[in-house]
């Protein structure tokens, strides 16, 4: 049987990217071909912030100074 899988080497062992249907201690032969590192430059700040699932009051953005420093924001003008 021959199959190709993607894996990551963590410095000690190879970690498959997907489950592998082999019994533990099954002998295998590995051929190493390095793959280009995938860049995560496409992740926007907003997408990252949303993924944190932060909770706060509904007026958090407009009352930021109040919640961070305990004081009302002063308007420029």
N, C-alpha and C. Protein backbone atom coordinates (compact mmCIF):
# COMPACT_ATOMS: atom_id res chain seq x y z
N UNK A 1 0.86 -1.19 0.00
CA UNK A 1 0.00 0.00 0.00
C UNK A 1 0.90 1.24 0.00
N UNK A 2 0.51 2.23 -0.78
CA UNK A 2 1.26 3.47 -0.84
C UNK A 2 0.29 4.63 -0.76
N UNK A 3 0.62 5.60 0.06
CA UNK A 3 -0.21 6.80 0.19
C UNK A 3 0.68 7.98 0.51
N UNK A 4 0.23 9.16 0.19
CA UNK A 4 0.97 10.37 0.48
C UNK A 4 0.19 11.18 1.50
N UNK A 5 0.87 11.62 2.54
CA UNK A 5 0.24 12.46 3.56
C UNK A 5 1.11 13.68 3.80
N UNK A 6 0.49 14.75 4.27
CA UNK A 6 1.23 15.92 4.71
C UNK A 6 1.44 15.80 6.21
N UNK A 7 2.58 16.21 6.68
CA UNK A 7 2.89 16.14 8.10
C UNK A 7 3.79 17.31 8.47
N UNK A 8 3.90 17.57 9.76
CA UNK A 8 4.78 18.60 10.29
C UNK A 8 5.77 17.94 11.24
N UNK A 9 7.03 18.28 11.10
CA UNK A 9 8.06 17.76 12.00
C UNK A 9 8.21 18.73 13.15
N UNK A 10 7.97 18.28 14.38
CA UNK A 10 8.00 19.18 15.54
C UNK A 10 9.37 19.23 16.22
N UNK A 11 10.37 18.65 15.60
CA UNK A 11 11.71 18.61 16.19
C UNK A 11 12.05 17.23 16.73
N UNK A 12 11.02 16.43 16.96
CA UNK A 12 11.22 15.07 17.45
C UNK A 12 10.50 14.03 16.61
N UNK A 13 9.26 14.32 16.26
CA UNK A 13 8.44 13.36 15.53
C UNK A 13 7.68 14.06 14.41
N UNK A 14 7.19 13.27 13.47
CA UNK A 14 6.34 13.80 12.40
C UNK A 14 4.90 13.71 12.86
N UNK A 15 4.16 14.81 12.72
CA UNK A 15 2.76 14.87 13.10
C UNK A 15 1.92 14.96 11.82
N UNK A 16 1.13 13.92 11.52
CA UNK A 16 0.31 13.96 10.30
C UNK A 16 -0.71 15.09 10.36
N UNK A 17 -0.98 15.70 9.23
CA UNK A 17 -1.98 16.77 9.14
C UNK A 17 -3.38 16.21 9.24
N UNK A 18 -3.57 14.94 8.91
CA UNK A 18 -4.87 14.27 8.95
C UNK A 18 -4.68 12.90 9.60
N UNK A 19 -5.77 12.32 10.11
CA UNK A 19 -5.65 10.98 10.70
C UNK A 19 -5.10 9.97 9.69
N UNK A 20 -4.30 9.03 10.20
CA UNK A 20 -3.72 7.98 9.37
C UNK A 20 -4.25 6.64 9.86
N UNK A 21 -4.75 5.83 8.94
CA UNK A 21 -5.34 4.55 9.35
C UNK A 21 -4.28 3.45 9.34
N UNK A 22 -3.40 3.51 10.33
CA UNK A 22 -2.39 2.48 10.52
C UNK A 22 -2.44 2.03 11.98
N UNK A 23 -2.15 0.78 12.20
CA UNK A 23 -2.06 0.29 13.57
C UNK A 23 -0.79 0.85 14.21
N UNK A 24 -0.80 1.07 15.52
CA UNK A 24 0.42 1.53 16.20
C UNK A 24 1.58 0.58 15.93
N UNK A 25 2.76 1.15 15.81
CA UNK A 25 4.01 0.41 15.58
C UNK A 25 4.11 -0.27 14.22
N UNK A 26 3.29 0.18 13.25
CA UNK A 26 3.38 -0.33 11.89
C UNK A 26 4.62 0.25 11.23
N UNK A 27 5.51 -0.59 10.70
CA UNK A 27 6.68 -0.06 10.01
C UNK A 27 6.27 0.65 8.72
N UNK A 28 6.86 1.81 8.47
CA UNK A 28 6.61 2.56 7.25
C UNK A 28 7.93 3.08 6.71
N UNK A 29 7.93 3.50 5.46
CA UNK A 29 9.10 4.14 4.86
C UNK A 29 8.70 5.56 4.51
N UNK A 30 9.44 6.54 5.01
CA UNK A 30 9.14 7.95 4.76
C UNK A 30 10.09 8.50 3.72
N UNK A 31 9.55 9.22 2.77
CA UNK A 31 10.34 10.01 1.83
C UNK A 31 10.02 11.46 2.13
N UNK A 32 11.03 12.24 2.46
CA UNK A 32 10.82 13.62 2.91
C UNK A 32 10.91 14.57 1.73
N UNK A 33 9.87 15.35 1.54
CA UNK A 33 9.84 16.43 0.56
C UNK A 33 9.30 17.65 1.29
N UNK A 34 10.12 18.66 1.49
CA UNK A 34 9.64 19.83 2.22
C UNK A 34 8.65 20.61 1.38
N UNK A 35 7.65 21.15 2.06
CA UNK A 35 6.60 21.94 1.41
C UNK A 35 6.80 23.40 1.75
N UNK A 36 6.34 24.31 0.89
CA UNK A 36 6.44 25.73 1.22
C UNK A 36 5.61 26.05 2.46
N UNK A 37 6.12 26.94 3.27
CA UNK A 37 5.40 27.36 4.47
C UNK A 37 4.22 28.22 4.05
N UNK A 38 3.05 27.88 4.57
CA UNK A 38 1.86 28.66 4.24
C UNK A 38 1.85 29.92 5.07
N UNK A 39 1.69 31.04 4.42
CA UNK A 39 1.64 32.33 5.11
C UNK A 39 0.21 32.63 5.51
N UNK A 40 0.03 33.16 6.71
CA UNK A 40 -1.31 33.51 7.19
C UNK A 40 -1.51 35.03 7.09
N UNK A 41 -0.93 35.63 6.05
CA UNK A 41 -1.05 37.08 5.87
C UNK A 41 -2.49 37.49 5.56
N UNK A 42 -3.32 36.54 5.13
CA UNK A 42 -4.69 36.86 4.77
C UNK A 42 -5.61 37.09 5.96
N UNK A 43 -5.14 36.72 7.16
CA UNK A 43 -5.99 36.90 8.34
C UNK A 43 -6.01 38.38 8.72
N UNK A 44 -7.18 38.95 8.69
CA UNK A 44 -7.30 40.37 9.02
C UNK A 44 -7.40 40.55 10.53
N UNK A 45 -7.14 41.76 10.99
CA UNK A 45 -7.27 42.06 12.42
C UNK A 45 -8.69 41.79 12.88
N UNK A 46 -9.67 42.19 12.10
CA UNK A 46 -11.06 42.00 12.49
C UNK A 46 -11.40 40.52 12.62
N UNK A 47 -10.93 39.70 11.67
CA UNK A 47 -11.19 38.26 11.74
C UNK A 47 -10.54 37.67 12.99
N UNK A 48 -9.33 38.11 13.29
CA UNK A 48 -8.65 37.63 14.49
C UNK A 48 -9.39 38.05 15.74
N UNK A 49 -9.82 39.31 15.80
CA UNK A 49 -10.54 39.81 16.97
C UNK A 49 -11.85 39.05 17.15
N UNK A 50 -12.56 38.79 16.07
CA UNK A 50 -13.82 38.04 16.18
C UNK A 50 -13.58 36.62 16.67
N UNK A 51 -12.46 36.03 16.27
CA UNK A 51 -12.19 34.65 16.68
C UNK A 51 -11.92 34.53 18.17
N UNK A 52 -11.60 35.63 18.83
CA UNK A 52 -11.34 35.60 20.27
C UNK A 52 -12.62 35.49 21.09
N UNK A 53 -13.76 35.75 20.46
CA UNK A 53 -15.06 35.67 21.13
C UNK A 53 -15.09 36.48 22.43
N UNK A 54 -14.58 37.70 22.36
CA UNK A 54 -14.58 38.57 23.54
C UNK A 54 -16.00 39.04 23.84
N UNK A 55 -16.29 39.17 25.12
CA UNK A 55 -17.58 39.67 25.53
C UNK A 55 -17.39 40.99 26.25
N UNK A 56 -18.31 41.90 26.06
CA UNK A 56 -18.24 43.19 26.73
C UNK A 56 -19.56 43.92 26.58
N UNK A 57 -19.66 45.08 27.21
CA UNK A 57 -20.89 45.86 27.12
C UNK A 57 -21.13 46.34 25.69
N UNK A 58 -22.40 46.58 25.33
CA UNK A 58 -22.71 46.98 23.95
C UNK A 58 -22.11 48.33 23.56
N UNK A 59 -21.82 49.21 24.53
CA UNK A 59 -21.24 50.51 24.19
C UNK A 59 -19.73 50.53 24.39
N UNK A 60 -19.11 49.37 24.33
CA UNK A 60 -17.68 49.24 24.57
C UNK A 60 -16.86 50.18 23.68
N UNK A 61 -17.14 50.21 22.39
CA UNK A 61 -16.36 51.03 21.47
C UNK A 61 -16.51 52.52 21.75
N UNK A 62 -17.72 52.98 22.00
CA UNK A 62 -17.93 54.41 22.21
C UNK A 62 -17.54 54.86 23.61
N UNK A 63 -17.42 53.95 24.55
CA UNK A 63 -17.07 54.30 25.93
C UNK A 63 -15.75 53.64 26.36
N UNK A 64 -14.82 53.51 25.44
CA UNK A 64 -13.57 52.81 25.70
C UNK A 64 -12.80 53.40 26.88
N UNK A 65 -12.66 54.73 26.92
CA UNK A 65 -11.93 55.36 28.03
C UNK A 65 -12.56 55.04 29.38
N UNK A 66 -13.86 55.04 29.41
CA UNK A 66 -14.58 54.74 30.65
C UNK A 66 -14.24 53.33 31.14
N UNK A 67 -14.24 52.36 30.23
CA UNK A 67 -13.98 50.98 30.63
C UNK A 67 -12.51 50.70 30.87
N UNK A 68 -11.63 51.37 30.16
CA UNK A 68 -10.19 51.14 30.36
C UNK A 68 -9.64 51.93 31.55
N UNK A 69 -10.05 53.18 31.68
CA UNK A 69 -9.42 54.08 32.66
C UNK A 69 -10.38 54.57 33.73
N UNK A 70 -11.65 54.20 33.64
CA UNK A 70 -12.63 54.64 34.63
C UNK A 70 -13.01 56.10 34.50
N UNK A 71 -12.82 56.67 33.33
CA UNK A 71 -13.17 58.07 33.13
C UNK A 71 -13.91 58.25 31.82
N UNK A 72 -14.69 59.30 31.73
CA UNK A 72 -15.43 59.59 30.52
C UNK A 72 -14.48 60.14 29.45
N UNK A 73 -14.72 59.78 28.20
CA UNK A 73 -13.92 60.32 27.10
C UNK A 73 -14.23 61.79 26.93
N UNK A 74 -13.20 62.56 26.64
CA UNK A 74 -13.41 64.00 26.39
C UNK A 74 -13.48 64.22 24.90
N UNK A 75 -14.43 65.00 24.47
CA UNK A 75 -14.58 65.29 23.04
C UNK A 75 -13.64 66.39 22.61
N UNK A 76 -13.11 66.29 21.43
CA UNK A 76 -12.26 67.36 20.89
C UNK A 76 -13.15 68.48 20.40
N UNK A 77 -12.83 69.67 20.84
CA UNK A 77 -13.68 70.68 20.27
C UNK A 77 -13.78 71.86 21.06
